[in-house]
Amino acid sequence: WLFGAWRAAGLAGPGAIWAWVLGAAIITTIALSYAELGAMFPESGGMVRYSHYSHGSLVGFIAGWANWIAIVSVIPVEAEASVQYMASWPWAWAQGLY
């Protein structure tokens, strides 16, 4: 994610702004849906519970595991991206990082 905006602007030019606006509109719609569901069903575990309520226990189980894997995988991905970025720093200690 560190270079996402830069890459998008390089590939799509000024049209990348519209992609970000479209993405923001989609995320806002999802966030408002979760806000409505959270007010309607004030229980813990929303990401899993909502899919369990709407599609059954198998989908709730799969959603729970998918959510856990997504959360756990963020830490090493962020660490790798940070190390790659720090390798471009001009200091000697940063050159051997990546």
PDB file of N, CA and C in Angstrom:
ATOM      1  N   TRP A   1       0.807  -1.186   0.000  1.00  0.00           N
ATOM      2  CA  TRP A   1       0.000   0.000   0.000  1.00  0.00           C
ATOM      3  C   TRP A   1       0.851   1.251   0.000  1.00  0.00           C
ATOM      4  N   LEU A   2       2.117   1.127   0.335  1.00  0.00           N
ATOM      5  CA  LEU A   2       2.961   2.320   0.423  1.00  0.00           C
ATOM      6  C   LEU A   2       3.078   3.042  -0.905  1.00  0.00           C
ATOM      7  N   PHE A   3       3.115   2.305  -1.980  1.00  0.00           N
ATOM      8  CA  PHE A   3       3.314   2.919  -3.287  1.00  0.00           C
ATOM      9  C   PHE A   3       2.077   2.810  -4.175  1.00  0.00           C
ATOM     10  N   GLY A   4       0.941   2.476  -3.612  1.00  0.00           N
ATOM     11  CA  GLY A   4      -0.270   2.280  -4.401  1.00  0.00           C
ATOM     12  C   GLY A   4      -0.713   3.519  -5.151  1.00  0.00           C
ATOM     13  N   ALA A   5      -0.743   4.644  -4.475  1.00  0.00           N
ATOM     14  CA  ALA A   5      -1.184   5.883  -5.134  1.00  0.00           C
ATOM     15  C   ALA A   5      -0.190   6.313  -6.203  1.00  0.00           C
ATOM     16  N   TRP A   6       1.085   6.152  -5.930  1.00  0.00           N
ATOM     17  CA  TRP A   6       2.119   6.545  -6.898  1.00  0.00           C
ATOM     18  C   TRP A   6       2.048   5.672  -8.149  1.00  0.00           C
ATOM     19  N   ARG A   7       1.900   4.369  -7.949  1.00  0.00           N
ATOM     20  CA  ARG A   7       1.789   3.454  -9.089  1.00  0.00           C
ATOM     21  C   ARG A   7       0.524   3.718  -9.900  1.00  0.00           C
ATOM     22  N   ALA A   8      -0.583   3.938  -9.199  1.00  0.00           N
ATOM     23  CA  ALA A   8      -1.845   4.195  -9.897  1.00  0.00           C
ATOM     24  C   ALA A   8      -1.764   5.470 -10.716  1.00  0.00           C
ATOM     25  N   ALA A   9      -1.157   6.503 -10.157  1.00  0.00           N
ATOM     26  CA  ALA A   9      -1.015   7.755 -10.901  1.00  0.00           C
ATOM     27  C   ALA A   9      -0.091   7.573 -12.094  1.00  0.00           C
ATOM     28  N   GLY A  10       0.930   6.733 -11.954  1.00  0.00           N
ATOM     29  CA  GLY A  10       1.837   6.482 -13.069  1.00  0.00           C
ATOM     30  C   GLY A  10       1.188   5.695 -14.191  1.00  0.00           C
ATOM     31  N   LEU A  11       0.327   4.760 -13.845  1.00  0.00           N
ATOM     32  CA  LEU A  11      -0.327   3.933 -14.858  1.00  0.00           C
ATOM     33  C   LEU A  11      -1.551   4.603 -15.478  1.00  0.00           C
ATOM     34  N   ALA A  12      -2.386   5.188 -14.647  1.00  0.00           N
ATOM     35  CA  ALA A  12      -3.655   5.723 -15.139  1.00  0.00           C
ATOM     36  C   ALA A  12      -3.645   7.231 -15.337  1.00  0.00           C
ATOM     37  N   GLY A  13      -2.617   7.891 -14.849  1.00  0.00           N
ATOM     38  CA  GLY A  13      -2.577   9.342 -14.982  1.00  0.00           C
ATOM     39  C   GLY A  13      -3.632   9.992 -14.105  1.00  0.00           C
ATOM     40  N   PRO A  14      -4.232  11.073 -14.590  1.00  0.00           N
ATOM     41  CA  PRO A  14      -5.241  11.763 -13.786  1.00  0.00           C
ATOM     42  C   PRO A  14      -6.495  10.928 -13.530  1.00  0.00           C
ATOM     43  N   GLY A  15      -6.716   9.903 -14.337  1.00  0.00           N
ATOM     44  CA  GLY A  15      -7.870   9.029 -14.119  1.00  0.00           C
ATOM     45  C   GLY A  15      -7.782   8.242 -12.820  1.00  0.00           C
ATOM     46  N   ALA A  16      -6.587   8.159 -12.223  1.00  0.00           N
ATOM     47  CA  ALA A  16      -6.431   7.444 -10.959  1.00  0.00           C
ATOM     48  C   ALA A  16      -7.230   8.110  -9.847  1.00  0.00           C
ATOM     49  N   ILE A  17      -7.410   9.410  -9.936  1.00  0.00           N
ATOM     50  CA  ILE A  17      -8.197  10.112  -8.922  1.00  0.00           C
ATOM     51  C   ILE A  17      -9.632   9.590  -8.927  1.00  0.00           C
ATOM     52  N   TRP A  18     -10.185   9.374 -10.120  1.00  0.00           N
ATOM     53  CA  TRP A  18     -11.554   8.855 -10.211  1.00  0.00           C
ATOM     54  C   TRP A  18     -11.647   7.439  -9.661  1.00  0.00           C
ATOM     55  N   ALA A  19     -10.591   6.657  -9.817  1.00  0.00           N
ATOM     56  CA  ALA A  19     -10.587   5.309  -9.240  1.00  0.00           C
ATOM     57  C   ALA A  19     -10.618   5.380  -7.715  1.00  0.00           C
ATOM     58  N   TRP A  20      -9.871   6.315  -7.139  1.00  0.00           N
ATOM     59  CA  TRP A  20      -9.883   6.488  -5.690  1.00  0.00           C
ATOM     60  C   TRP A  20     -11.247   6.986  -5.215  1.00  0.00           C
ATOM     61  N   VAL A  21     -11.874   7.880  -5.968  1.00  0.00           N
ATOM     62  CA  VAL A  21     -13.210   8.370  -5.605  1.00  0.00           C
ATOM     63  C   VAL A  21     -14.226   7.230  -5.673  1.00  0.00           C
ATOM     64  N   LEU A  22     -14.159   6.414  -6.718  1.00  0.00           N
ATOM     65  CA  LEU A  22     -15.054   5.268  -6.841  1.00  0.00           C
ATOM     66  C   LEU A  22     -14.834   4.278  -5.693  1.00  0.00           C
ATOM     67  N   GLY A  23     -13.571   4.005  -5.380  1.00  0.00           N
ATOM     68  CA  GLY A  23     -13.266   3.115  -4.258  1.00  0.00           C
ATOM     69  C   GLY A  23     -13.785   3.660  -2.940  1.00  0.00           C
ATOM     70  N   ALA A  24     -13.663   4.973  -2.738  1.00  0.00           N
ATOM     71  CA  ALA A  24     -14.181   5.588  -1.510  1.00  0.00           C
ATOM     72  C   ALA A  24     -15.697   5.462  -1.430  1.00  0.00           C
ATOM     73  N   ALA A  25     -16.375   5.610  -2.562  1.00  0.00           N
ATOM     74  CA  ALA A  25     -17.836   5.468  -2.570  1.00  0.00           C
ATOM     75  C   ALA A  25     -18.249   4.038  -2.237  1.00  0.00           C
ATOM     76  N   ILE A  26     -17.530   3.065  -2.772  1.00  0.00           N
ATOM     77  CA  ILE A  26     -17.847   1.659  -2.495  1.00  0.00           C
ATOM     78  C   ILE A  26     -17.592   1.332  -1.026  1.00  0.00           C
ATOM     79  N   ILE A  27     -16.451   1.774  -0.497  1.00  0.00           N
ATOM     80  CA  ILE A  27     -16.124   1.521   0.909  1.00  0.00           C
ATOM     81  C   ILE A  27     -17.122   2.211   1.832  1.00  0.00           C
ATOM     82  N   THR A  28     -17.547   3.419   1.464  1.00  0.00           N
ATOM     83  CA  THR A  28     -18.544   4.124   2.273  1.00  0.00           C
ATOM     84  C   THR A  28     -19.859   3.355   2.316  1.00  0.00           C
ATOM     85  N   THR A  29     -20.267   2.800   1.185  1.00  0.00           N
ATOM     86  CA  THR A  29     -21.490   1.994   1.147  1.00  0.00           C
ATOM     87  C   THR A  29     -21.372   0.773   2.060  1.00  0.00           C
ATOM     88  N   ILE A  30     -20.236   0.103   2.003  1.00  0.00           N
ATOM     89  CA  ILE A  30     -20.019  -1.067   2.865  1.00  0.00           C
ATOM     90  C   ILE A  30     -20.002  -0.658   4.332  1.00  0.00           C
ATOM     91  N   ALA A  31     -19.323   0.461   4.640  1.00  0.00           N
ATOM     92  CA  ALA A  31     -19.247   0.924   6.029  1.00  0.00           C
ATOM     93  C   ALA A  31     -20.627   1.293   6.571  1.00  0.00           C
ATOM     94  N   LEU A  32     -21.445   1.942   5.755  1.00  0.00           N
ATOM     95  CA  LEU A  32     -22.791   2.291   6.208  1.00  0.00           C
ATOM     96  C   LEU A  32     -23.652   1.045   6.407  1.00  0.00           C
ATOM     97  N   SER A  33     -23.441   0.031   5.577  1.00  0.00           N
ATOM     98  CA  SER A  33     -24.169  -1.231   5.764  1.00  0.00           C
ATOM     99  C   SER A  33     -23.782  -1.892   7.077  1.00  0.00           C
ATOM    100  N   TYR A  34     -22.479  -1.910   7.379  1.00  0.00           N
ATOM    101  CA  TYR A  34     -22.031  -2.487   8.647  1.00  0.00           C
ATOM    102  C   TYR A  34     -22.513  -1.657   9.832  1.00  0.00           C
ATOM    103  N   ALA A  35     -22.581  -0.337   9.680  1.00  0.00           N
ATOM    104  CA  ALA A  35     -23.097   0.503  10.762  1.00  0.00           C
ATOM    105  C   ALA A  35     -24.566   0.190  11.035  1.00  0.00           C
ATOM    106  N   GLU A  36     -25.335   0.003   9.981  1.00  0.00           N
ATOM    107  CA  GLU A  36     -26.751  -0.338  10.141  1.00  0.00           C
ATOM    108  C   GLU A  36     -26.906  -1.710  10.794  1.00  0.00           C
ATOM    109  N   LEU A  37     -26.127  -2.683  10.344  1.00  0.00           N
ATOM    110  CA  LEU A  37     -26.208  -4.020  10.937  1.00  0.00           C
ATOM    111  C   LEU A  37     -25.738  -4.012  12.385  1.00  0.00           C
ATOM    112  N   GLY A  38     -24.704  -3.219  12.676  1.00  0.00           N
ATOM    113  CA  GLY A  38     -24.215  -3.135  14.047  1.00  0.00           C
ATOM    114  C   GLY A  38     -25.239  -2.531  14.990  1.00  0.00           C
ATOM    115  N   ALA A  39     -26.017  -1.569  14.493  1.00  0.00           N
ATOM    116  CA  ALA A  39     -27.076  -0.990  15.318  1.00  0.00           C
ATOM    117  C   ALA A  39     -28.246  -1.962  15.471  1.00  0.00           C
ATOM    118  N   MET A  40     -28.493  -2.761  14.444  1.00  0.00           N
ATOM    119  CA  MET A  40     -29.609  -3.700  14.479  1.00  0.00           C
ATOM    120  C   MET A  40     -29.289  -4.933  15.335  1.00  0.00           C
ATOM    121  N   PHE A  41     -28.046  -5.414  15.263  1.00  0.00           N
ATOM    122  CA  PHE A  41     -27.617  -6.594  16.018  1.00  0.00           C
ATOM    123  C   PHE A  41     -26.415  -6.215  16.883  1.00  0.00           C
ATOM    124  N   PRO A  42     -26.612  -5.642  18.061  1.00  0.00           N
ATOM    125  CA  PRO A  42     -25.485  -5.201  18.891  1.00  0.00           C
ATOM    126  C   PRO A  42     -24.807  -6.370  19.613  1.00  0.00           C
ATOM    127  N   GLU A  43     -24.077  -7.168  18.857  1.00  0.00           N
ATOM    128  CA  GLU A  43     -23.349  -8.311  19.401  1.00  0.00           C
ATOM    129  C   GLU A  43     -21.910  -8.242  18.916  1.00  0.00           C
ATOM    130  N   SER A  44     -21.022  -8.922  19.622  1.00  0.00           N
ATOM    131  CA  SER A  44     -19.624  -8.939  19.196  1.00  0.00           C
ATOM    132  C   SER A  44     -19.441  -9.881  18.015  1.00  0.00           C
ATOM    133  N   GLY A  45     -18.360  -9.664  17.263  1.00  0.00           N
ATOM    134  CA  GLY A  45     -18.045 -10.533  16.136  1.00  0.00           C
ATOM    135  C   GLY A  45     -18.827 -10.232  14.885  1.00  0.00           C
ATOM    136  N   GLY A  46     -18.986  -8.964  14.566  1.00  0.00           N
ATOM    137  CA  GLY A  46     -19.826  -8.556  13.449  1.00  0.00           C
ATOM    138  C   GLY A  46     -19.465  -9.175  12.116  1.00  0.00           C
ATOM    139  N   MET A  47     -18.188  -9.212  11.772  1.00  0.00           N
ATOM    140  CA  MET A  47     -17.786  -9.735  10.466  1.00  0.00           C
ATOM    141  C   MET A  47     -18.242 -11.180  10.276  1.00  0.00           C
ATOM    142  N   VAL A  48     -18.232 -11.941  11.339  1.00  0.00           N
ATOM    143  CA  VAL A  48     -18.630 -13.347  11.250  1.00  0.00           C
ATOM    144  C   VAL A  48     -20.134 -13.498  11.477  1.00  0.00           C
ATOM    145  N   ARG A  49     -20.641 -12.774  12.439  1.00  0.00           N
ATOM    146  CA  ARG A  49     -22.064 -12.920  12.785  1.00  0.00           C
ATOM    147  C   ARG A  49     -22.983 -12.515  11.644  1.00  0.00           C
ATOM    148  N   TYR A  50     -22.662 -11.438  10.937  1.00  0.00           N
ATOM    149  CA  TYR A  50     -23.550 -10.972   9.872  1.00  0.00           C
ATOM    150  C   TYR A  50     -23.615 -11.981   8.734  1.00  0.00           C
ATOM    151  N   SER A  51     -22.482 -12.561   8.375  1.00  0.00           N
ATOM    152  CA  SER A  51     -22.512 -13.586   7.326  1.00  0.00           C
ATOM    153  C   SER A  51     -23.188 -14.862   7.827  1.00  0.00           C
ATOM    154  N   HIS A  52     -23.042 -15.152   9.109  1.00  0.00           N
ATOM    155  CA  HIS A  52     -23.731 -16.313   9.688  1.00  0.00           C
ATOM    156  C   HIS A  52     -25.244 -16.104   9.666  1.00  0.00           C
ATOM    157  N   TYR A  53     -25.683 -14.911  10.026  1.00  0.00           N
ATOM    158  CA  TYR A  53     -27.121 -14.617  10.019  1.00  0.00           C
ATOM    159  C   TYR A  53     -27.701 -14.669   8.610  1.00  0.00           C
ATOM    160  N   SER A  54     -26.964 -14.150   7.640  1.00  0.00           N
ATOM    161  CA  SER A  54     -27.536 -14.033   6.299  1.00  0.00           C
ATOM    162  C   SER A  54     -27.353 -15.286   5.444  1.00  0.00           C
ATOM    163  N   HIS A  55     -26.271 -16.057   5.672  1.00  0.00           N
ATOM    164  CA  HIS A  55     -25.978 -17.175   4.772  1.00  0.00           C
ATOM    165  C   HIS A  55     -25.782 -18.517   5.467  1.00  0.00           C
ATOM    166  N   GLY A  56     -25.817 -18.564   6.784  1.00  0.00           N
ATOM    167  CA  GLY A  56     -25.696 -19.837   7.475  1.00  0.00           C
ATOM    168  C   GLY A  56     -24.347 -20.032   8.145  1.00  0.00           C
ATOM    169  N   SER A  57     -24.234 -21.157   8.846  1.00  0.00           N
ATOM    170  CA  SER A  57     -23.052 -21.389   9.674  1.00  0.00           C
ATOM    171  C   SER A  57     -21.796 -21.685   8.860  1.00  0.00           C
ATOM    172  N   LEU A  58     -21.910 -22.340   7.713  1.00  0.00           N
ATOM    173  CA  LEU A  58     -20.721 -22.633   6.910  1.00  0.00           C
ATOM    174  C   LEU A  58     -20.086 -21.348   6.399  1.00  0.00           C
ATOM    175  N   VAL A  59     -20.891 -20.447   5.880  1.00  0.00           N
ATOM    176  CA  VAL A  59     -20.357 -19.179   5.380  1.00  0.00           C
ATOM    177  C   VAL A  59     -19.811 -18.347   6.536  1.00  0.00           C
ATOM    178  N   GLY A  60     -20.470 -18.392   7.691  1.00  0.00           N
ATOM    179  CA  GLY A  60     -19.952 -17.696   8.865  1.00  0.00           C
ATOM    180  C   GLY A  60     -18.600 -18.237   9.291  1.00  0.00           C
ATOM    181  N   PHE A  61     -18.446 -19.555   9.248  1.00  0.00           N
ATOM    182  CA  PHE A  61     -17.168 -20.184   9.584  1.00  0.00           C
ATOM    183  C   PHE A  61     -16.082 -19.767   8.599  1.00  0.00           C
ATOM    184  N   ILE A  62     -16.405 -19.801   7.309  1.00  0.00           N
ATOM    185  CA  ILE A  62     -15.433 -19.405   6.283  1.00  0.00           C
ATOM    186  C   ILE A  62     -15.085 -17.931   6.425  1.00  0.00           C
ATOM    187  N   ALA A  63     -16.076 -17.095   6.696  1.00  0.00           N
ATOM    188  CA  ALA A  63     -15.822 -15.665   6.876  1.00  0.00           C
ATOM    189  C   ALA A  63     -14.939 -15.416   8.090  1.00  0.00           C
ATOM    190  N   GLY A  64     -15.152 -16.177   9.149  1.00  0.00           N
ATOM    191  CA  GLY A  64     -14.315 -16.034  10.337  1.00  0.00           C
ATOM    192  C   GLY A  64     -12.864 -16.367  10.061  1.00  0.00           C
ATOM    193  N   TRP A  65     -12.627 -17.473   9.385  1.00  0.00           N
ATOM    194  CA  TRP A  65     -11.255 -17.846   9.051  1.00  0.00           C
ATOM    195  C   TRP A  65     -10.634 -16.877   8.054  1.00  0.00           C
ATOM    196  N   ALA A  66     -11.407 -16.434   7.074  1.00  0.00           N
ATOM    197  CA  ALA A  66     -10.880 -15.467   6.105  1.00  0.00           C
ATOM    198  C   ALA A  66     -10.517 -14.158   6.792  1.00  0.00           C
ATOM    199  N   ASN A  67     -11.333 -13.733   7.731  1.00  0.00           N
ATOM    200  CA  ASN A  67     -11.042 -12.513   8.481  1.00  0.00           C
ATOM    201  C   ASN A  67      -9.786 -12.685   9.323  1.00  0.00           C
ATOM    202  N   TRP A  68      -9.640 -13.819   9.985  1.00  0.00           N
ATOM    203  CA  TRP A  68      -8.463 -14.060  10.811  1.00  0.00           C
ATOM    204  C   TRP A  68      -7.195 -14.085   9.957  1.00  0.00           C
ATOM    205  N   ILE A  69      -7.242 -14.777   8.828  1.00  0.00           N
ATOM    206  CA  ILE A  69      -6.070 -14.843   7.945  1.00  0.00           C
ATOM    207  C   ILE A  69      -5.720 -13.459   7.416  1.00  0.00           C
ATOM    208  N   ALA A  70      -6.725 -12.668   7.070  1.00  0.00           N
ATOM    209  CA  ALA A  70      -6.468 -11.318   6.572  1.00  0.00           C
ATOM    210  C   ALA A  70      -5.803 -10.457   7.639  1.00  0.00           C
ATOM    211  N   ILE A  71      -6.267 -10.556   8.870  1.00  0.00           N
ATOM    212  CA  ILE A  71      -5.692  -9.745   9.945  1.00  0.00           C
ATOM    213  C   ILE A  71      -4.270 -10.201  10.266  1.00  0.00           C
ATOM    214  N   VAL A  72      -4.055 -11.508  10.349  1.00  0.00           N
ATOM    215  CA  VAL A  72      -2.733 -12.031  10.708  1.00  0.00           C
ATOM    216  C   VAL A  72      -1.704 -11.773   9.610  1.00  0.00           C
ATOM    217  N   SER A  73      -2.127 -11.777   8.360  1.00  0.00           N
ATOM    218  CA  SER A  73      -1.168 -11.586   7.268  1.00  0.00           C
ATOM    219  C   SER A  73      -0.747 -10.137   7.086  1.00  0.00           C
ATOM    220  N   VAL A  74      -1.433  -9.202   7.699  1.00  0.00           N
ATOM    221  CA  VAL A  74      -1.085  -7.789   7.525  1.00  0.00           C
ATOM    222  C   VAL A  74       0.281  -7.484   8.129  1.00  0.00           C
ATOM    223  N   ILE A  75       0.606  -8.034   9.272  1.00  0.00           N
ATOM    224  CA  ILE A  75       1.846  -7.690   9.965  1.00  0.00           C
ATOM    225  C   ILE A  75       3.078  -8.046   9.139  1.00  0.00           C
ATOM    226  N   PRO A  76       3.240  -9.270   8.629  1.00  0.00           N
ATOM    227  CA  PRO A  76       4.432  -9.543   7.823  1.00  0.00           C
ATOM    228  C   PRO A  76       4.456  -8.780   6.497  1.00  0.00           C
ATOM    229  N   VAL A  77       3.299  -8.536   5.909  1.00  0.00           N
ATOM    230  CA  VAL A  77       3.272  -7.774   4.654  1.00  0.00           C
ATOM    231  C   VAL A  77       3.731  -6.344   4.900  1.00  0.00           C
ATOM    232  N   GLU A  78       3.272  -5.740   5.982  1.00  0.00           N
ATOM    233  CA  GLU A  78       3.697  -4.380   6.317  1.00  0.00           C
ATOM    234  C   GLU A  78       5.187  -4.344   6.649  1.00  0.00           C
ATOM    235  N   ALA A  79       5.678  -5.345   7.350  1.00  0.00           N
ATOM    236  CA  ALA A  79       7.101  -5.385   7.672  1.00  0.00           C
ATOM    237  C   ALA A  79       7.946  -5.500   6.409  1.00  0.00           C
ATOM    238  N   GLU A  80       7.534  -6.347   5.484  1.00  0.00           N
ATOM    239  CA  GLU A  80       8.271  -6.510   4.226  1.00  0.00           C
ATOM    240  C   GLU A  80       8.249  -5.226   3.406  1.00  0.00           C
ATOM    241  N   ALA A  81       7.112  -4.570   3.332  1.00  0.00           N
ATOM    242  CA  ALA A  81       7.020  -3.313   2.582  1.00  0.00           C
ATOM    243  C   ALA A  81       7.879  -2.233   3.221  1.00  0.00           C
ATOM    244  N   SER A  82       7.909  -2.185   4.542  1.00  0.00           N
ATOM    245  CA  SER A  82       8.732  -1.189   5.228  1.00  0.00           C
ATOM    246  C   SER A  82      10.212  -1.437   4.990  1.00  0.00           C
ATOM    247  N   VAL A  83      10.621  -2.692   5.028  1.00  0.00           N
ATOM    248  CA  VAL A  83      12.032  -3.019   4.785  1.00  0.00           C
ATOM    249  C   VAL A  83      12.419  -2.685   3.351  1.00  0.00           C
ATOM    250  N   GLN A  84      11.564  -2.980   2.401  1.00  0.00           N
ATOM    251  CA  GLN A  84      11.853  -2.622   1.007  1.00  0.00           C
ATOM    252  C   GLN A  84      11.986  -1.114   0.852  1.00  0.00           C
ATOM    253  N   TYR A  85      11.130  -0.356   1.515  1.00  0.00           N
ATOM    254  CA  TYR A  85      11.199   1.097   1.436  1.00  0.00           C
ATOM    255  C   TYR A  85      12.469   1.612   2.105  1.00  0.00           C
ATOM    256  N   MET A  86      12.812   1.070   3.277  1.00  0.00           N
ATOM    257  CA  MET A  86      14.002   1.541   3.990  1.00  0.00           C
ATOM    258  C   MET A  86      15.276   1.206   3.237  1.00  0.00           C
ATOM    259  N   ALA A  87      15.261   0.181   2.393  1.00  0.00           N
ATOM    260  CA  ALA A  87      16.454  -0.167   1.619  1.00  0.00           C
ATOM    261  C   ALA A  87      16.818   0.922   0.623  1.00  0.00           C
ATOM    262  N   SER A  88      15.893   1.812   0.312  1.00  0.00           N
ATOM    263  CA  SER A  88      16.198   2.912  -0.612  1.00  0.00           C
ATOM    264  C   SER A  88      16.772   4.127   0.102  1.00  0.00           C
ATOM    265  N   TRP A  89      16.890   4.094   1.400  1.00  0.00           N
ATOM    266  CA  TRP A  89      17.454   5.219   2.141  1.00  0.00           C
ATOM    267  C   TRP A  89      18.944   5.328   1.847  1.00  0.00           C
ATOM    268  N   PRO A  90      19.520   6.508   1.957  1.00  0.00           N
ATOM    269  CA  PRO A  90      20.924   6.691   1.588  1.00  0.00           C
ATOM    270  C   PRO A  90      21.937   6.194   2.625  1.00  0.00           C
ATOM    271  N   TRP A  91      21.526   5.841   3.807  1.00  0.00           N
ATOM    272  CA  TRP A  91      22.468   5.439   4.841  1.00  0.00           C
ATOM    273  C   TRP A  91      22.977   4.022   4.602  1.00  0.00           C
ATOM    274  N   ALA A  92      24.195   3.783   5.019  1.00  0.00           N
ATOM    275  CA  ALA A  92      24.843   2.495   4.757  1.00  0.00           C
ATOM    276  C   ALA A  92      24.136   1.338   5.470  1.00  0.00           C
ATOM    277  N   TRP A  93      23.653   1.570   6.668  1.00  0.00           N
ATOM    278  CA  TRP A  93      23.010   0.480   7.405  1.00  0.00           C
ATOM    279  C   TRP A  93      21.712   0.027   6.739  1.00  0.00           C
ATOM    280  N   ALA A  94      21.096   0.894   5.952  1.00  0.00           N
ATOM    281  CA  ALA A  94      19.831   0.539   5.311  1.00  0.00           C
ATOM    282  C   ALA A  94      20.031  -0.196   3.993  1.00  0.00           C
ATOM    283  N   GLN A  95      21.221  -0.152   3.429  1.00  0.00           N
ATOM    284  CA  GLN A  95      21.447  -0.758   2.113  1.00  0.00           C
ATOM    285  C   GLN A  95      21.352  -2.279   2.143  1.00  0.00           C
ATOM    286  N   GLY A  96      21.728  -2.901   3.226  1.00  0.00           N
ATOM    287  CA  GLY A  96      21.716  -4.359   3.298  1.00  0.00           C
ATOM    288  C   GLY A  96      20.407  -4.956   3.787  1.00  0.00           C
ATOM    289  N   LEU A  97      19.393  -4.152   3.959  1.00  0.00           N
ATOM    290  CA  LEU A  97      18.133  -4.666   4.491  1.00  0.00           C
ATOM    291  C   LEU A  97      17.378  -5.537   3.504  1.00  0.00           C
ATOM    292  N   TYR A  98      17.449  -5.173   2.227  1.00  0.00           N
ATOM    293  CA  TYR A  98      16.654  -5.916   1.248  1.00  0.00           C
ATOM    294  C   TYR A  98      17.497  -6.257   0.061  1.00  0.00           C
TER     295      TYR A  98
END
